[in-house]
Amino acid sequence: MALHLQVGAFLSCLSPPLPYLLCNLRYDIIIENVAESFVLGESMLNEEKIKQMTELALLKKRKGEQMFEIDNYFKEDYVGKQMLKSFFVYTFCFLLIIVLAVLYNLEELMSSVTAVGVFSVVYIVIYILGLIAFELITYRFFSKKYDEAQRSLKVYNDRLNYFEKKFENKDKTPNIGG
């Protein structure tokens, strides 16, 4: 409890950039490192730590939301979900266009009933071909997006693990006594 109060007092007296950086990272790592530095009486913060935290914060800010959302899915599930969404969007848009076309040509369609049968087959073929093309584009786009998010998440986690190991080993003092 006292350690948290000391850390809180320490963080409140820092200049504005550092608390801004701290709010974008994992608090458990940062609080542990800052608390150790403060309790051990180190008056200077390690510039390398700040640089590493800044890089992590920028990566998380740029791609964080997307990375962590996509990480909840397997690739097939994520792409399938997006393809299902695109199916409904395409179908809605196509039906909207058909309704507008029918309303625009309502007089002509009412005068000749045989044209309605021919146009309905053409509309169905256009719908199916357009849907296939749209779904293929959706599949390729979201597959690439998923792969990119996974790569970014791997980089983020690797940097975070590197940060933890590097400064955990640096901050430990060797036990020289008996």
C-alpha atoms as a PDB file:
ATOM      1  CA  MET A   1       0.000   0.000   0.000  1.00  0.00           C
ATOM      2  CA  ALA A   2       2.784   2.402   0.925  1.00  0.00           C
ATOM      3  CA  LEU A   3       4.591   1.538  -2.285  1.00  0.00           C
ATOM      4  CA  HIS A   4       1.546   2.564  -4.331  1.00  0.00           C
ATOM      5  CA  LEU A   5       1.324   5.870  -2.469  1.00  0.00           C
ATOM      6  CA  GLN A   6       5.003   6.561  -3.137  1.00  0.00           C
ATOM      7  CA  VAL A   7       4.592   5.673  -6.811  1.00  0.00           C
ATOM      8  CA  GLY A   8       1.522   7.910  -7.033  1.00  0.00           C
ATOM      9  CA  ALA A   9       3.442  10.793  -5.515  1.00  0.00           C
ATOM     10  CA  PHE A  10       6.333  10.138  -7.875  1.00  0.00           C
ATOM     11  CA  LEU A  11       4.104  10.054 -10.966  1.00  0.00           C
ATOM     12  CA  SER A  12       2.314  13.243  -9.980  1.00  0.00           C
ATOM     13  CA  CYS A  13       5.566  15.222  -9.950  1.00  0.00           C
ATOM     14  CA  LEU A  14       6.688  14.076 -13.416  1.00  0.00           C
ATOM     15  CA  SER A  15       6.595  16.271 -16.468  1.00  0.00           C
ATOM     16  CA  PRO A  16       3.528  15.852 -18.755  1.00  0.00           C
ATOM     17  CA  PRO A  17       5.053  13.663 -21.519  1.00  0.00           C
ATOM     18  CA  LEU A  18       5.859  10.659 -19.329  1.00  0.00           C
ATOM     19  CA  PRO A  19       2.385  10.170 -17.810  1.00  0.00           C
ATOM     20  CA  TYR A  20       0.965  10.459 -21.346  1.00  0.00           C
ATOM     21  CA  LEU A  21       3.235   7.620 -22.433  1.00  0.00           C
ATOM     22  CA  LEU A  22       2.432   5.581 -19.352  1.00  0.00           C
ATOM     23  CA  CYS A  23      -1.303   5.645 -20.015  1.00  0.00           C
ATOM     24  CA  ASN A  24      -0.842   3.726 -23.282  1.00  0.00           C
ATOM     25  CA  LEU A  25       1.124   0.773 -21.911  1.00  0.00           C
ATOM     26  CA  ARG A  26       0.603  -2.154 -19.609  1.00  0.00           C
ATOM     27  CA  TYR A  27       0.490  -0.662 -16.138  1.00  0.00           C
ATOM     28  CA  ASP A  28       1.764  -3.706 -14.309  1.00  0.00           C
ATOM     29  CA  ILE A  29       5.156  -3.579 -16.044  1.00  0.00           C
ATOM     30  CA  ILE A  30       5.524   0.182 -15.863  1.00  0.00           C
ATOM     31  CA  ILE A  31       4.424   0.585 -12.251  1.00  0.00           C
ATOM     32  CA  GLU A  32       6.766  -2.220 -11.208  1.00  0.00           C
ATOM     33  CA  ASN A  33       9.760  -0.651 -12.981  1.00  0.00           C
ATOM     34  CA  VAL A  34       9.021   2.909 -11.894  1.00  0.00           C
ATOM     35  CA  ALA A  35       8.314   1.808  -8.329  1.00  0.00           C
ATOM     36  CA  GLU A  36      11.587  -0.106  -8.123  1.00  0.00           C
ATOM     37  CA  SER A  37      13.503   2.902  -9.450  1.00  0.00           C
ATOM     38  CA  PHE A  38      11.759   5.220  -6.997  1.00  0.00           C
ATOM     39  CA  VAL A  39      12.131   2.985  -3.950  1.00  0.00           C
ATOM     40  CA  LEU A  40      15.788   2.269  -4.724  1.00  0.00           C
ATOM     41  CA  GLY A  41      16.417   6.005  -4.725  1.00  0.00           C
ATOM     42  CA  GLU A  42      17.247   6.410  -8.385  1.00  0.00           C
ATOM     43  CA  SER A  43      16.547  10.000  -9.234  1.00  0.00           C
ATOM     44  CA  MET A  44      17.014   9.643 -12.991  1.00  0.00           C
ATOM     45  CA  LEU A  45      14.743   7.559 -15.157  1.00  0.00           C
ATOM     46  CA  ASN A  46      16.400   5.279 -17.650  1.00  0.00           C
ATOM     47  CA  GLU A  47      16.203   6.896 -21.098  1.00  0.00           C
ATOM     48  CA  GLU A  48      16.320   3.518 -22.805  1.00  0.00           C
ATOM     49  CA  LYS A  49      13.263   2.376 -20.824  1.00  0.00           C
ATOM     50  CA  ILE A  50      11.394   5.522 -21.817  1.00  0.00           C
ATOM     51  CA  LYS A  51      12.356   5.042 -25.451  1.00  0.00           C
ATOM     52  CA  GLN A  52      11.145   1.416 -25.395  1.00  0.00           C
ATOM     53  CA  MET A  53       7.900   2.418 -23.684  1.00  0.00           C
ATOM     54  CA  THR A  54       7.365   5.155 -26.273  1.00  0.00           C
ATOM     55  CA  GLU A  55       7.832   2.728 -29.154  1.00  0.00           C
ATOM     56  CA  LEU A  56       5.377   0.299 -27.584  1.00  0.00           C
ATOM     57  CA  ALA A  57       2.863   3.066 -26.948  1.00  0.00           C
ATOM     58  CA  LEU A  58       3.072   4.305 -30.542  1.00  0.00           C
ATOM     59  CA  LEU A  59       2.627   0.806 -31.951  1.00  0.00           C
ATOM     60  CA  LYS A  60      -0.356   0.192 -29.713  1.00  0.00           C
ATOM     61  CA  LYS A  61      -1.876   3.569 -30.568  1.00  0.00           C
ATOM     62  CA  ARG A  62      -1.533   3.035 -34.326  1.00  0.00           C
ATOM     63  CA  LYS A  63      -2.745  -0.533 -34.556  1.00  0.00           C
ATOM     64  CA  GLY A  64      -3.861  -1.506 -31.069  1.00  0.00           C
ATOM     65  CA  GLU A  65      -7.610  -1.642 -31.404  1.00  0.00           C
ATOM     66  CA  GLN A  66      -7.499  -3.561 -34.655  1.00  0.00           C
ATOM     67  CA  MET A  67      -4.830  -5.962 -33.396  1.00  0.00           C
ATOM     68  CA  PHE A  68      -6.579  -6.877 -30.190  1.00  0.00           C
ATOM     69  CA  GLU A  69     -10.017  -7.206 -31.808  1.00  0.00           C
ATOM     70  CA  ILE A  70      -8.749  -9.526 -34.526  1.00  0.00           C
ATOM     71  CA  ASP A  71      -6.750 -11.569 -32.031  1.00  0.00           C
ATOM     72  CA  ASN A  72     -10.020 -12.847 -30.538  1.00  0.00           C
ATOM     73  CA  TYR A  73     -10.766 -14.837 -33.716  1.00  0.00           C
ATOM     74  CA  PHE A  74      -9.250 -17.593 -35.779  1.00  0.00           C
ATOM     75  CA  LYS A  75      -8.569 -16.468 -39.329  1.00  0.00           C
ATOM     76  CA  GLU A  76     -11.425 -18.497 -40.827  1.00  0.00           C
ATOM     77  CA  ASP A  77     -13.893 -17.163 -38.266  1.00  0.00           C
ATOM     78  CA  TYR A  78     -12.834 -13.549 -38.729  1.00  0.00           C
ATOM     79  CA  VAL A  79     -12.904 -13.703 -42.531  1.00  0.00           C
ATOM     80  CA  GLY A  80     -16.186 -15.661 -42.472  1.00  0.00           C
ATOM     81  CA  LYS A  81     -17.776 -13.040 -40.221  1.00  0.00           C
ATOM     82  CA  GLN A  82     -16.692 -10.266 -42.584  1.00  0.00           C
ATOM     83  CA  MET A  83     -17.933 -12.211 -45.619  1.00  0.00           C
ATOM     84  CA  LEU A  84     -21.325 -12.712 -43.956  1.00  0.00           C
ATOM     85  CA  LYS A  85     -21.522  -8.972 -43.269  1.00  0.00           C
ATOM     86  CA  SER A  86     -20.581  -8.202 -46.874  1.00  0.00           C
ATOM     87  CA  PHE A  87     -23.240 -10.636 -48.124  1.00  0.00           C
ATOM     88  CA  PHE A  88     -25.957  -8.730 -46.305  1.00  0.00           C
ATOM     89  CA  VAL A  89     -24.571  -5.346 -47.329  1.00  0.00           C
ATOM     90  CA  TYR A  90     -24.341  -6.395 -50.987  1.00  0.00           C
ATOM     91  CA  THR A  91     -27.829  -7.918 -50.954  1.00  0.00           C
ATOM     92  CA  PHE A  92     -29.322  -4.809 -49.369  1.00  0.00           C
ATOM     93  CA  CYS A  93     -27.606  -2.498 -51.853  1.00  0.00           C
ATOM     94  CA  PHE A  94     -28.607  -4.664 -54.806  1.00  0.00           C
ATOM     95  CA  LEU A  95     -32.252  -4.781 -53.675  1.00  0.00           C
ATOM     96  CA  LEU A  96     -32.193  -1.018 -53.198  1.00  0.00           C
ATOM     97  CA  ILE A  97     -30.902  -0.541 -56.746  1.00  0.00           C
ATOM     98  CA  ILE A  98     -33.564  -2.926 -58.100  1.00  0.00           C
ATOM     99  CA  VAL A  99     -36.324  -1.062 -56.265  1.00  0.00           C
ATOM    100  CA  LEU A 100     -35.068   2.246 -57.630  1.00  0.00           C
ATOM    101  CA  ALA A 101     -34.834   0.817 -61.158  1.00  0.00           C
ATOM    102  CA  VAL A 102     -38.370  -0.622 -60.946  1.00  0.00           C
ATOM    103  CA  LEU A 103     -39.770   2.654 -59.623  1.00  0.00           C
ATOM    104  CA  TYR A 104     -37.978   4.571 -62.362  1.00  0.00           C
ATOM    105  CA  ASN A 105     -39.349   2.297 -65.116  1.00  0.00           C
ATOM    106  CA  LEU A 106     -42.703   1.524 -63.513  1.00  0.00           C
ATOM    107  CA  GLU A 107     -44.779   2.749 -66.459  1.00  0.00           C
ATOM    108  CA  GLU A 108     -42.898   0.639 -68.990  1.00  0.00           C
ATOM    109  CA  LEU A 109     -43.023  -2.439 -66.792  1.00  0.00           C
ATOM    110  CA  MET A 110     -46.789  -2.113 -66.315  1.00  0.00           C
ATOM    111  CA  SER A 111     -47.421  -1.856 -70.051  1.00  0.00           C
ATOM    112  CA  SER A 112     -45.470  -4.994 -71.011  1.00  0.00           C
ATOM    113  CA  VAL A 113     -45.722  -7.959 -68.671  1.00  0.00           C
ATOM    114  CA  THR A 114     -43.371 -10.204 -70.688  1.00  0.00           C
ATOM    115  CA  ALA A 115     -40.414  -7.888 -70.171  1.00  0.00           C
ATOM    116  CA  VAL A 116     -40.667  -8.427 -66.418  1.00  0.00           C
ATOM    117  CA  GLY A 117     -39.787 -12.151 -66.788  1.00  0.00           C
ATOM    118  CA  VAL A 118     -36.727 -11.449 -68.961  1.00  0.00           C
ATOM    119  CA  PHE A 119     -35.481  -8.670 -66.709  1.00  0.00           C
ATOM    120  CA  SER A 120     -35.887 -10.770 -63.570  1.00  0.00           C
ATOM    121  CA  VAL A 121     -33.581 -13.479 -64.993  1.00  0.00           C
ATOM    122  CA  VAL A 122     -31.021 -10.844 -65.995  1.00  0.00           C
ATOM    123  CA  TYR A 123     -31.205  -9.267 -62.539  1.00  0.00           C
ATOM    124  CA  ILE A 124     -30.690 -12.647 -60.859  1.00  0.00           C
ATOM    125  CA  VAL A 125     -27.626 -13.405 -63.012  1.00  0.00           C
ATOM    126  CA  ILE A 126     -26.185  -9.933 -62.335  1.00  0.00           C
ATOM    127  CA  TYR A 127     -26.841 -10.394 -58.625  1.00  0.00           C
ATOM    128  CA  ILE A 128     -25.101 -13.770 -58.465  1.00  0.00           C
ATOM    129  CA  LEU A 129     -22.066 -12.648 -60.492  1.00  0.00           C
ATOM    130  CA  GLY A 130     -21.756  -9.431 -58.508  1.00  0.00           C
ATOM    131  CA  LEU A 131     -22.103 -11.283 -55.207  1.00  0.00           C
ATOM    132  CA  ILE A 132     -19.369 -13.746 -56.142  1.00  0.00           C
ATOM    133  CA  ALA A 133     -17.025 -10.929 -57.157  1.00  0.00           C
ATOM    134  CA  PHE A 134     -17.834  -8.931 -54.010  1.00  0.00           C
ATOM    135  CA  GLU A 135     -17.274 -11.935 -51.735  1.00  0.00           C
ATOM    136  CA  LEU A 136     -13.933 -12.742 -53.395  1.00  0.00           C
ATOM    137  CA  ILE A 137     -12.780  -9.162 -52.889  1.00  0.00           C
ATOM    138  CA  THR A 138     -13.975  -9.278 -49.276  1.00  0.00           C
ATOM    139  CA  TYR A 139     -12.161 -12.559 -48.662  1.00  0.00           C
ATOM    140  CA  ARG A 140      -8.857 -11.273 -50.035  1.00  0.00           C
ATOM    141  CA  PHE A 141      -9.101  -7.908 -48.248  1.00  0.00           C
ATOM    142  CA  PHE A 142      -9.927  -9.302 -44.799  1.00  0.00           C
ATOM    143  CA  SER A 143      -7.454 -12.187 -45.109  1.00  0.00           C
ATOM    144  CA  LYS A 144      -4.685  -9.655 -45.684  1.00  0.00           C
ATOM    145  CA  LYS A 145      -6.001  -7.464 -42.875  1.00  0.00           C
ATOM    146  CA  TYR A 146      -6.025 -10.445 -40.492  1.00  0.00           C
ATOM    147  CA  ASP A 147      -2.494 -11.476 -41.445  1.00  0.00           C
ATOM    148  CA  GLU A 148      -1.223  -7.915 -41.015  1.00  0.00           C
ATOM    149  CA  ALA A 149      -2.879  -7.593 -37.614  1.00  0.00           C
ATOM    150  CA  GLN A 150      -1.365 -10.893 -36.484  1.00  0.00           C
ATOM    151  CA  ARG A 151       2.102  -9.762 -37.608  1.00  0.00           C
ATOM    152  CA  SER A 152       1.670  -6.444 -35.776  1.00  0.00           C
ATOM    153  CA  LEU A 153       0.475  -8.232 -32.650  1.00  0.00           C
ATOM    154  CA  LYS A 154       3.465 -10.565 -32.781  1.00  0.00           C
ATOM    155  CA  VAL A 155       5.822  -7.581 -33.092  1.00  0.00           C
ATOM    156  CA  TYR A 156       4.066  -5.857 -30.192  1.00  0.00           C
ATOM    157  CA  ASN A 157       4.227  -8.946 -27.972  1.00  0.00           C
ATOM    158  CA  ASP A 158       7.857  -9.626 -28.911  1.00  0.00           C
ATOM    159  CA  ARG A 159       8.819  -6.055 -28.047  1.00  0.00           C
ATOM    160  CA  LEU A 160       6.879  -6.238 -24.806  1.00  0.00           C
ATOM    161  CA  ASN A 161       8.538  -9.519 -23.826  1.00  0.00           C
ATOM    162  CA  TYR A 162      11.944  -8.120 -24.788  1.00  0.00           C
ATOM    163  CA  PHE A 163      11.234  -5.042 -22.695  1.00  0.00           C
ATOM    164  CA  GLU A 164      10.205  -7.144 -19.697  1.00  0.00           C
ATOM    165  CA  LYS A 165      13.202  -9.477 -19.891  1.00  0.00           C
ATOM    166  CA  LYS A 166      15.758  -6.784 -20.616  1.00  0.00           C
ATOM    167  CA  PHE A 167      14.820  -4.491 -17.785  1.00  0.00           C
ATOM    168  CA  GLU A 168      13.938  -7.279 -15.369  1.00  0.00           C
ATOM    169  CA  ASN A 169      17.462  -8.661 -15.727  1.00  0.00           C
ATOM    170  CA  LYS A 170      19.063  -5.190 -15.632  1.00  0.00           C
ATOM    171  CA  ASP A 171      17.224  -4.097 -12.516  1.00  0.00           C
ATOM    172  CA  LYS A 172      18.042  -7.175 -10.453  1.00  0.00           C
ATOM    173  CA  THR A 173      21.043  -6.621  -8.253  1.00  0.00           C
ATOM    174  CA  PRO A 174      23.307  -9.630  -7.749  1.00  0.00           C
ATOM    175  CA  ASN A 175      23.381 -11.180  -4.311  1.00  0.00           C
ATOM    176  CA  ILE A 176      27.039 -10.898  -3.328  1.00  0.00           C
ATOM    177  CA  GLY A 177      26.726 -11.612   0.378  1.00  0.00           C
ATOM    178  CA  GLY A 178      26.477 -14.941   2.119  1.00  0.00           C
END
